[in-house]
Protein backbone atom coordinates (compact mmCIF):
# COMPACT_ATOMS: atom_id res chain seq x y z
CA MET A 1 6.90 -4.99 15.33
CA GLU A 2 6.00 -8.54 16.32
CA MET A 3 8.32 -9.80 13.59
CA VAL A 4 11.19 -7.67 14.90
CA GLN A 5 10.68 -9.07 18.39
CA ALA A 6 10.51 -12.58 16.92
CA TYR A 7 13.84 -11.95 15.15
CA PHE A 8 15.45 -10.96 18.46
CA ASN A 9 14.00 -14.04 20.17
CA GLY A 10 14.56 -16.74 17.56
CA GLY A 11 16.08 -15.37 14.36
CA LEU A 12 14.80 -15.85 10.82
CA SER A 13 12.92 -19.05 11.54
CA SER A 14 10.81 -17.29 14.20
CA MET A 15 10.05 -14.42 11.82
CA ALA A 16 8.92 -16.86 9.13
CA THR A 17 6.20 -18.23 11.43
CA ILE A 18 4.57 -14.76 11.43
CA TYR A 19 5.09 -13.68 7.80
CA ASP A 20 7.35 -15.05 5.11
CA TRP A 21 8.71 -11.85 3.54
CA PRO A 22 10.50 -10.13 6.45
CA PHE A 23 12.95 -7.64 4.87
CA PHE A 24 11.48 -4.47 6.41
CA ALA A 25 11.34 -6.13 9.83
CA MET A 26 14.97 -7.25 9.43
CA LEU A 27 16.05 -3.70 8.55
CA THR A 28 14.25 -2.41 11.63
CA ALA A 29 15.88 -5.05 13.83
CA TRP A 30 19.37 -4.29 12.48
CA LEU A 31 18.91 -0.53 12.96
CA SER A 32 17.65 -1.11 16.50
CA GLN A 33 20.64 -3.33 17.29
CA LEU A 34 23.20 -0.91 15.83
CA SER A 35 21.73 2.22 17.43
CA ASP A 36 20.29 0.79 20.68
CA LEU A 37 17.06 2.61 19.84
CA PRO A 38 13.62 1.13 20.64
CA ILE A 39 12.27 -0.93 17.77
CA GLU A 40 9.28 1.34 17.18
CA LEU A 41 11.51 4.45 16.96
CA SER A 42 13.83 2.57 14.59
CA ALA A 43 10.85 1.68 12.39
CA ASN A 44 9.69 5.31 12.40
CA ILE A 45 13.16 6.50 11.34
CA LEU A 46 13.25 3.97 8.49
CA ASN A 47 9.75 4.96 7.43
CA SER A 48 10.69 8.65 7.34
CA VAL A 49 13.80 7.97 5.25
CA LEU A 50 11.86 5.79 2.81
CA PHE A 51 9.11 8.39 2.53
CA VAL A 52 11.72 11.03 1.59
CA VAL A 53 13.19 8.64 -1.01
CA PHE A 54 9.69 8.10 -2.41
CA THR A 55 8.86 11.79 -2.81
CA ASP A 56 12.36 12.56 -4.16
CA ALA A 57 12.00 9.81 -6.77
CA LEU A 58 8.71 11.33 -7.93
CA LEU A 59 10.40 14.74 -8.18
CA LEU A 60 13.23 13.24 -10.26
CA ILE A 61 10.66 11.70 -12.61
CA SER A 62 8.83 15.04 -12.82
CA HIS A 63 12.09 16.75 -13.77
CA ARG A 64 12.33 14.39 -16.76
CA LEU A 65 8.69 14.82 -17.76
CA LEU A 66 8.36 18.60 -17.52
CA PRO A 67 9.95 21.27 -19.76
CA ASN A 68 11.19 23.79 -17.17
CA LEU A 69 11.99 24.28 -13.49
CA ARG A 70 8.88 26.38 -12.93
CA GLN A 71 6.68 23.42 -13.79
CA VAL A 72 8.91 21.13 -11.70
CA GLY A 73 8.31 23.48 -8.75
CA ILE A 74 4.56 23.26 -9.34
CA ALA A 75 4.89 19.46 -9.52
CA ALA A 76 6.73 19.47 -6.17
CA VAL A 77 3.79 21.26 -4.55
CA LEU A 78 1.33 18.82 -6.15
CA ILE A 79 3.36 15.80 -4.99
CA LEU A 80 3.75 17.03 -1.40
CA SER A 81 0.01 17.80 -1.27
CA PHE A 82 -1.02 14.48 -2.85
CA TYR A 83 -3.62 12.79 -0.65
CA SER A 84 -2.79 9.20 -1.61
CA ILE A 85 0.84 9.69 -0.56
CA ASN A 86 0.23 11.63 2.64
CA ASP A 87 -2.48 9.24 3.80
CA TYR A 88 0.13 6.63 4.79
CA ARG A 89 2.95 8.79 6.13
CA ASP A 90 2.22 7.75 9.75
CA PHE A 91 1.96 4.03 8.98
CA LEU A 92 4.74 1.58 9.90
CA ILE A 93 4.43 -0.55 6.77
CA ARG A 94 6.82 -2.12 4.28
CA ASP A 95 4.80 -0.70 1.40
CA ILE A 96 6.52 2.70 1.64
CA GLY A 97 9.85 1.04 0.85
CA TYR A 98 8.24 -0.74 -2.10
CA TRP A 99 6.75 2.51 -3.43
CA ALA A 100 10.06 4.34 -2.99
CA PHE A 101 12.18 1.84 -4.91
CA CYS A 102 9.53 1.14 -7.56
CA SER A 103 9.52 4.88 -8.27
CA LEU A 104 13.33 4.94 -8.33
CA ALA A 105 13.32 1.96 -10.70
CA LEU A 106 10.91 3.80 -13.02
CA TYR A 107 13.19 6.86 -12.93
CA GLN A 108 16.21 4.73 -13.86
CA LEU A 109 14.30 3.23 -16.80
CA ILE A 110 13.41 6.75 -17.96
CA ARG A 111 17.11 7.62 -17.73
CA TYR A 112 17.98 4.48 -19.68
CA GLN A 113 15.83 5.60 -22.59
CA VAL A 114 18.08 8.68 -22.84
CA GLU A 115 21.36 7.10 -21.72
CA PRO A 116 21.34 3.40 -22.71
CA LYS A 117 24.46 2.53 -20.73
CA LEU A 118 25.29 -0.49 -18.59
CA LYS A 119 25.64 1.74 -15.51
CA THR A 120 22.06 3.01 -15.89
CA ALA A 121 20.82 -0.54 -16.53
CA LEU A 122 22.46 -1.67 -13.29
CA HIS A 123 20.86 1.21 -11.39
CA TRP A 124 17.44 0.12 -12.72
CA GLN A 125 18.00 -3.49 -11.67
CA VAL A 126 19.30 -2.63 -8.19
CA SER A 127 16.30 -0.34 -7.54
CA ALA A 128 13.84 -2.99 -8.76
CA LEU A 129 15.52 -5.75 -6.74
CA ILE A 130 15.36 -3.67 -3.55
CA ALA A 131 11.67 -3.01 -4.26
CA ILE A 132 11.16 -6.78 -4.48
CA LEU A 133 12.71 -7.18 -1.02
CA PHE A 134 9.87 -5.05 0.34
CA ARG A 135 7.04 -6.64 -1.70
CA VAL A 136 7.42 -9.75 -3.81
CA GLU A 137 5.08 -8.56 -6.59
CA GLY A 138 7.89 -6.26 -7.69
CA ILE A 139 9.11 -9.30 -9.64
CA ILE A 140 6.38 -8.62 -12.20
CA LEU A 141 7.61 -5.04 -12.69
CA LEU A 142 11.19 -6.27 -12.97
CA LEU A 143 10.29 -8.75 -15.69
CA LEU A 144 7.82 -6.69 -17.75
CA MET A 145 8.88 -3.03 -17.56
CA PRO A 146 11.95 -3.39 -19.84
CA PHE A 147 9.65 -4.41 -22.70
CA PHE A 148 7.89 -1.04 -22.49
CA ALA A 149 11.20 0.80 -22.25
CA LEU A 150 12.38 -0.84 -25.48
CA SER A 151 9.09 -0.81 -27.40
CA SER A 152 10.41 1.61 -30.04
CA CYS A 153 13.66 -0.29 -30.70
CA GLN A 154 14.27 -2.71 -33.56
CA LEU A 155 14.17 -6.42 -32.72
CA LYS A 156 17.94 -7.02 -32.84
CA SER A 157 18.83 -4.03 -30.69
CA SER A 158 15.88 -4.74 -28.37
CA LEU A 159 17.22 -8.21 -27.58
CA ARG A 160 20.65 -6.76 -26.83
CA GLU A 161 19.21 -4.06 -24.58
CA LEU A 162 16.92 -6.58 -22.87
CA VAL A 163 19.91 -8.71 -21.89
CA ARG A 164 21.63 -5.59 -20.56
CA LEU A 165 18.56 -4.61 -18.51
CA HIS A 166 18.46 -8.11 -17.00
CA SER A 167 22.22 -8.78 -16.74
CA LEU A 168 22.38 -8.43 -12.95
CA ASN A 169 19.14 -10.39 -12.52
CA LEU A 170 20.54 -13.32 -14.49
CA MET A 171 23.66 -13.44 -12.31
CA ILE A 172 21.67 -13.12 -9.08
CA GLY A 173 19.24 -15.82 -10.24
CA PHE A 174 22.16 -18.19 -10.84
CA VAL A 175 23.70 -17.42 -7.44
CA LEU A 176 20.36 -17.89 -5.65
CA THR A 177 19.86 -21.25 -7.34
CA ILE A 178 23.22 -22.44 -5.99
CA ALA A 179 22.63 -20.86 -2.57
CA ALA A 180 19.24 -22.54 -2.21
CA LEU A 181 21.05 -25.79 -1.49
CA SER A 182 22.74 -24.44 1.67
CA LEU A 183 20.80 -21.37 2.92
CA THR A 184 17.60 -23.18 3.85
CA GLU A 185 16.72 -20.86 6.76
CA TRP A 186 16.92 -17.76 4.55
CA PHE A 187 14.77 -19.31 1.84
CA ASN A 188 12.18 -20.41 4.40
CA ALA A 189 12.07 -16.83 5.73
CA PHE A 190 11.48 -15.50 2.19
CA ASP A 191 9.03 -18.19 1.11
CA LYS A 192 6.31 -15.76 -0.02
CA VAL A 193 7.19 -16.52 -3.66
CA SER A 194 5.66 -19.98 -3.28
CA ASP A 195 2.33 -18.37 -2.32
CA TYR A 196 2.31 -16.47 -5.60
CA LEU A 197 2.76 -19.70 -7.55
CA THR A 198 -0.81 -20.53 -6.52
CA TYR A 199 -1.91 -17.85 -9.01
CA LEU A 200 -0.91 -20.37 -11.68
CA ASN A 201 -3.09 -23.12 -10.19
CA THR A 202 -6.11 -22.66 -12.44
CA GLU A 203 -7.99 -25.61 -10.92
CA ALA A 204 -7.88 -24.12 -7.40
CA LEU A 205 -8.80 -20.67 -8.74
CA GLN A 206 -11.77 -22.12 -10.63
CA LEU A 207 -12.96 -23.96 -7.51
CA LYS A 208 -12.78 -20.76 -5.46
CA LEU A 209 -14.66 -18.87 -8.18
CA ASP A 210 -17.39 -21.52 -8.34
CA GLU A 211 -17.91 -21.26 -4.56
CA ARG A 212 -18.46 -17.51 -4.77
CA LEU A 213 -20.71 -17.74 -7.79
CA ASN A 214 -22.76 -20.38 -6.01
CA VAL A 215 -23.26 -18.05 -3.02
CA MET A 216 -24.33 -15.23 -5.33
CA GLU A 217 -26.78 -17.41 -7.25
CA LYS A 218 -28.41 -18.88 -4.12
CA HIS A 219 -28.42 -15.97 -1.67
CA ILE A 220 -28.12 -12.70 -3.60
CA LEU A 221 -29.45 -12.88 -7.16
CA SER A 222 -32.92 -13.77 -8.31
CA PRO A 223 -33.31 -17.01 -10.30
CA PHE A 224 -33.70 -14.93 -13.47
CA SER A 225 -30.24 -13.33 -12.98
CA ALA A 226 -28.34 -16.44 -11.88
CA ASP A 227 -26.93 -17.08 -15.37
CA TYR A 228 -25.20 -13.68 -15.23
CA SER A 229 -23.52 -14.18 -11.84
CA ALA A 230 -19.99 -14.32 -13.29
CA LEU A 231 -20.58 -11.16 -15.34
CA ILE A 232 -22.00 -9.34 -12.30
CA LEU A 233 -19.12 -10.46 -10.06
CA PHE A 234 -16.33 -9.50 -12.48
CA SER A 235 -17.89 -6.22 -13.54
CA GLY A 236 -18.53 -5.29 -9.90
CA LEU A 237 -14.94 -6.01 -8.90
CA SER A 238 -13.62 -4.11 -11.93
CA VAL A 239 -15.76 -1.06 -11.15
CA MET A 240 -14.56 -1.17 -7.54
CA LEU A 241 -10.93 -1.14 -8.71
CA LEU A 242 -11.61 1.69 -11.16
CA TYR A 243 -13.27 3.71 -8.41
CA LYS A 244 -10.29 3.23 -6.09
CA LEU A 245 -7.88 4.40 -8.80
CA LEU A 246 -9.90 7.51 -9.66
CA ALA A 247 -10.57 8.33 -6.00
CA GLY A 248 -6.86 7.84 -5.32
CA VAL A 249 -5.95 10.59 -7.77
CA SER A 250 -8.40 12.74 -5.74
CA GLY A 251 -11.26 14.94 -6.85
CA TYR A 252 -9.12 18.07 -6.44
CA TYR A 253 -6.50 16.96 -8.95
CA GLY A 254 -9.13 15.46 -11.23
CA LEU A 255 -10.86 18.85 -11.35
CA ILE A 256 -7.56 20.64 -12.11
CA TRP A 257 -6.96 18.20 -14.98
CA LEU A 258 -10.48 18.64 -16.39
CA VAL A 259 -10.15 22.44 -16.29
CA ALA A 260 -6.70 22.11 -17.88
CA LEU A 261 -8.21 20.17 -20.79
CA LYS A 262 -10.45 23.15 -21.54
CA THR A 263 -7.99 25.99 -20.96
CA THR A 264 -4.62 24.85 -22.38
CA THR A 265 -3.20 23.65 -25.64
CA SER A 266 -2.09 20.06 -26.04
CA VAL A 267 1.05 18.94 -24.22
CA PRO A 268 3.95 18.13 -26.59
CA ALA A 269 4.40 14.42 -27.24
CA GLN A 270 6.74 12.85 -24.68
CA ARG A 271 9.22 10.08 -25.31
CA TYR A 272 8.42 8.63 -21.87
CA ARG A 273 4.65 8.42 -22.27
CA LYS A 274 4.65 4.79 -23.47
CA LEU A 275 6.79 3.85 -20.48
CA LEU A 276 4.36 5.55 -18.08
CA TRP A 277 1.41 3.79 -19.70
CA GLY A 278 3.34 0.54 -19.34
CA PHE A 279 4.00 1.24 -15.67
CA LEU A 280 0.29 1.86 -15.11
CA ALA A 281 -0.69 -1.25 -17.11
CA VAL A 282 1.69 -3.57 -15.22
CA ASN A 283 0.46 -2.30 -11.86
CA ILE A 284 -3.17 -2.74 -12.92
CA LEU A 285 -2.29 -6.28 -14.05
CA ILE A 286 -0.89 -6.99 -10.58
CA LEU A 287 -4.04 -5.58 -8.98
CA LEU A 288 -6.36 -7.59 -11.24
CA ALA A 289 -4.50 -10.81 -10.46
CA PHE A 290 -4.90 -10.13 -6.74
CA LEU A 291 -8.49 -8.92 -7.09
CA PHE A 292 -9.76 -11.97 -8.96
CA ARG A 293 -8.00 -14.34 -6.58
CA GLN A 294 -8.79 -12.70 -3.23
CA TYR A 295 -12.01 -10.87 -4.29
CA PHE A 296 -11.06 -7.65 -2.50
CA VAL A 297 -8.49 -4.89 -2.81
CA VAL A 298 -7.55 -2.01 -0.49
CA THR A 299 -6.34 1.43 -1.55
CA ARG A 300 -2.88 0.77 -0.10
CA TYR A 301 -2.30 -1.90 -2.74
CA CYS A 302 -3.30 0.56 -5.48
CA VAL A 303 -0.79 3.31 -4.70
CA MET A 304 1.67 2.47 -7.49
CA ALA A 305 -1.12 2.37 -10.08
CA ILE A 306 -2.44 5.67 -8.70
CA VAL A 307 1.06 7.17 -8.97
CA GLY A 308 1.26 5.98 -12.59
CA LEU A 309 -2.05 7.67 -13.36
CA PHE A 310 -0.93 10.83 -11.54
CA LEU A 311 2.31 11.01 -13.57
CA LEU A 312 0.32 10.72 -16.81
CA ILE A 313 -1.88 13.71 -15.99
CA LEU A 314 0.86 15.73 -14.26
CA PRO A 315 2.22 17.53 -17.39
CA LYS A 316 -1.24 18.81 -18.28
CA MET A 317 -1.85 20.08 -14.74
CA THR A 318 1.49 21.86 -14.39
CA GLN A 319 1.14 23.41 -17.86
CA ALA A 320 -2.32 24.78 -16.99
CA ILE A 321 -1.19 26.23 -13.65
CA GLU A 322 1.91 27.79 -15.22
CA ALA A 323 -0.11 29.26 -18.12
CA ALA A 324 -2.64 30.79 -15.70
CA TRP A 325 0.22 32.49 -13.84
CA LEU A 326 2.13 33.71 -16.92
CA ASN A 327 -1.00 34.95 -18.70
CA ARG A 328 -2.14 36.79 -15.55
CA ARG A 329 -5.40 34.89 -15.39
CA HIS A 330 -5.65 35.60 -11.69
CA ARG A 331 -9.05 34.07 -11.09
CA LEU A 332 -8.09 30.81 -12.76
CA PHE A 333 -4.76 30.71 -10.91
CA ALA A 334 -6.53 31.41 -7.62
CA PHE A 335 -8.96 28.57 -8.39
CA PHE A 336 -6.05 26.17 -9.01
CA ALA A 337 -4.28 27.37 -5.85
CA PHE A 338 -7.46 26.85 -3.84
CA LEU A 339 -7.83 23.26 -5.10
CA VAL A 340 -4.19 22.41 -4.30
CA PHE A 341 -4.42 24.01 -0.86
CA ALA A 342 -7.74 22.27 -0.16
CA GLY A 343 -6.16 18.95 -1.13
CA PHE A 344 -3.21 19.60 1.18
CA VAL A 345 -5.46 20.54 4.11
CA ASP A 346 -7.71 17.53 3.44
CA ALA A 347 -4.71 15.19 3.33
CA TYR A 348 -3.31 16.61 6.56
CA HIS A 349 -6.68 16.53 8.30
CA THR A 350 -7.61 12.98 7.35
CA THR A 351 -4.23 11.23 7.52
CA ASN A 352 -4.97 7.86 9.03
CA SER A 353 -2.73 7.71 12.12
CA LYS A 354 -2.99 4.62 14.34
CA SER A 355 -1.58 6.34 17.45
CA TYR A 356 -5.07 6.38 18.99
CA ILE A 357 -5.07 2.56 18.90
CA LYS A 358 -1.69 2.35 20.61
CA ASP A 359 -2.64 4.91 23.27
CA THR A 360 -5.90 3.09 24.03
CA ALA A 361 -4.11 -0.26 24.43
CA ILE A 362 -1.50 1.29 26.73
CA TRP A 363 -4.22 2.97 28.82
CA ALA A 364 -5.98 -0.39 29.19
CA GLN A 365 -2.71 -2.06 30.12
CA GLN A 366 -2.04 0.49 32.86
CA ASN A 367 -5.53 1.07 34.25
CA LEU A 368 -7.65 -2.08 33.98
CA ASN A 369 -7.69 -4.57 36.84
CA GLN A 370 -5.09 -7.30 36.29
CA ASN A 371 -7.59 -9.99 37.26
CA SER A 372 -10.09 -8.88 34.60
CA LEU A 373 -10.97 -10.94 31.55
CA ILE A 374 -10.18 -8.69 28.57
CA ALA A 375 -11.03 -9.36 24.91
CA THR A 376 -10.27 -7.65 21.61
CA ASP A 377 -10.89 -8.29 17.92
CA ASP A 378 -8.07 -6.00 16.76
CA GLU A 379 -4.49 -7.22 16.23
CA PHE A 380 -2.95 -3.78 16.90
CA ILE A 381 -4.68 -3.60 20.29
CA GLN A 382 -3.43 -7.09 21.08
CA TYR A 383 0.17 -6.22 20.14
CA TYR A 384 0.43 -2.99 22.12
CA PHE A 385 -1.42 -4.43 25.12
CA LYS A 386 0.82 -7.50 25.38
CA ARG A 387 4.10 -5.66 24.75
CA ASN A 388 6.23 -5.65 27.91
CA HIS A 389 3.23 -6.84 29.90
CA ASP A 390 2.19 -10.22 31.30
CA GLN A 391 -1.54 -9.57 31.58
CA GLN A 392 -3.72 -11.81 29.45
CA ILE A 393 -5.83 -10.48 26.58
CA ILE A 394 -7.91 -12.80 24.41
CA TYR A 395 -7.79 -12.00 20.69
CA ARG A 396 -10.30 -13.24 18.09
CA ALA A 397 -10.02 -11.62 14.67
CA ARG A 398 -13.58 -12.66 13.75
CA GLY A 399 -15.20 -11.59 17.00
CA PHE A 400 -16.76 -13.55 19.85
CA LYS A 401 -19.85 -15.71 20.27
CA ASN A 402 -20.36 -15.18 24.02
CA ILE A 403 -18.99 -11.73 24.72
CA GLU A 404 -20.87 -11.48 28.04
CA ARG A 405 -18.31 -13.67 29.76
CA PHE A 406 -15.61 -11.00 29.55
CA ASP A 407 -15.16 -8.01 31.83
CA TYR A 408 -13.89 -5.68 29.10
CA LEU A 409 -13.94 -5.55 25.32
CA ILE A 410 -11.52 -3.29 23.42
CA ARG A 411 -12.64 -2.49 19.88
CA VAL A 412 -11.35 -0.41 16.98
CA GLU A 413 -14.40 0.98 15.18
CA LYS A 414 -14.34 2.76 11.86
CA LYS A 415 -16.81 5.51 11.19
CA GLY A 416 -20.21 3.92 10.59
CA ALA A 417 -19.21 0.52 12.02
CA LYS A 418 -21.80 -1.79 13.60
CA THR A 419 -22.58 -1.20 17.27
CA LEU A 420 -22.15 -3.75 20.06
CA ALA A 421 -25.90 -4.28 20.05
CA GLN A 422 -25.84 -5.12 16.34
CA LEU A 423 -22.82 -7.43 16.63
CA TYR A 424 -23.37 -9.16 19.95
CA GLY A 425 -26.79 -8.08 21.21
CA VAL A 426 -25.14 -6.25 24.13
CA THR A 427 -27.09 -3.15 25.16
CA THR A 428 -25.74 -2.41 28.65
CA ALA A 429 -22.00 -1.95 28.00
CA GLU A 430 -20.36 1.08 29.59
CA ILE A 431 -17.70 3.09 27.74
CA VAL A 432 -14.67 3.29 30.06
CA PHE A 433 -12.21 4.98 27.70
CA GLU A 434 -12.27 6.17 24.10
CA LEU A 435 -9.92 7.91 21.62
CA HIS A 436 -10.59 9.14 18.06
CA ASN A 437 -8.43 9.93 15.05
CA ARG A 438 -9.08 12.74 12.56
CA ARG A 439 -11.23 10.49 10.36
CA GLY A 440 -13.68 9.76 13.13
CA ASN A 441 -12.41 6.20 13.65
CA LYS A 442 -12.17 5.30 17.34
CA ALA A 443 -10.72 2.83 19.80
CA THR A 444 -13.09 2.09 22.66
CA ILE A 445 -12.86 0.15 25.92
CA TYR A 446 -16.26 -1.27 26.90
CA LYS A 447 -17.09 -2.64 30.33
CA ILE A 448 -19.41 -5.63 29.91
CA ASP A 449 -22.03 -6.02 32.64
CA HIS A 450 -23.12 -9.64 32.10
CA HIS A 451 -21.13 -12.89 32.24
CA ALA A 452 -21.77 -16.22 30.61
CA ASP A 453 -19.77 -19.24 29.60
CA ALA A 454 -16.41 -18.75 27.92
CA ASP A 455 -16.06 -18.44 24.21
């Protein structure tokens, strides 16, 4: 939302100072200008449309993977109940657009394997290019996925098909090269590509790795384990990524798949299975590149890999549920239905809405004394507090050294987060206002009793 406001105030150059890949913010700004709607409502409308495109794309893929409409109907229920999708439906993030058009691009590649026509190839490229406008790492999918789509072709025909699958990209690349000489403002606004070139700087990556290994050897590991610091670091990060992927599929669907392995015959070989494995592999490659450069990864970045894994196990799940129904195995069908329903309820109950943060910031804006010194360590609180309001709020992403100097502190605290006493040694703060979401995360306004020098 800050980027949209920056676009209204100073155009592309102002947006680039906040973040240098602003397509979703630009779409929101254009919709707000055309419709005269508030920017947040415009973003919500865009998000809803993109979410529908995302789920529809997964249904289209399911229709290609599954043998009959009954199983497609079962797949629709599984998709709409899928925790990893529903978890972000209330977020205003560009990722939903990326997921939607990545899924559409995968569907078009599946179509191309059946109908190798120029029209289908163009549909694949347009979908992938739009995905790139939302997240720049889509470039990797655009470049690598055609190789998996053509893996069964002979070399001569593969080269011909590869050119067809990249025909539009080649033309756009040529046009962009020419345009780069005159459209400097646009290229500065979309300068995120240059950040990704740092992944090729092996010297800088090695230096960063050495720093982290040095910390592990000196402060975490015993002297006897220091020689294995690199192994421990890489294996730990890899296990963390694997856990996020498996947890993303959800225990409910994992249990359905495990039961399906025991109760059904093998699924017929699919012509699209190599492509799905390729989609999963490319997304894991993207995640590994990020993981071993930044040394963290969040579930939101894993959604496309989770979707790839889900699509691979989907035929087995739908076959098992259908067989339980057709063979009148009522207990087994009831067990499957219970797991799907439990997953749906769990997804609905724990969806991570940020409305409690917004409402807390607005309450503070309207109710706290205007002469008070107010601090926060959360960027969402800062944004909603400052919007259409002149009152000062001091924001420090990494917290404060002398919190006692402020009158109020507004914090967003996840379940199990450190207390004020643990963070700042403050034991006499009074809770003025507090809101929770369904997960137990909360936004709290604390009144600080003691004052010291400014941070």
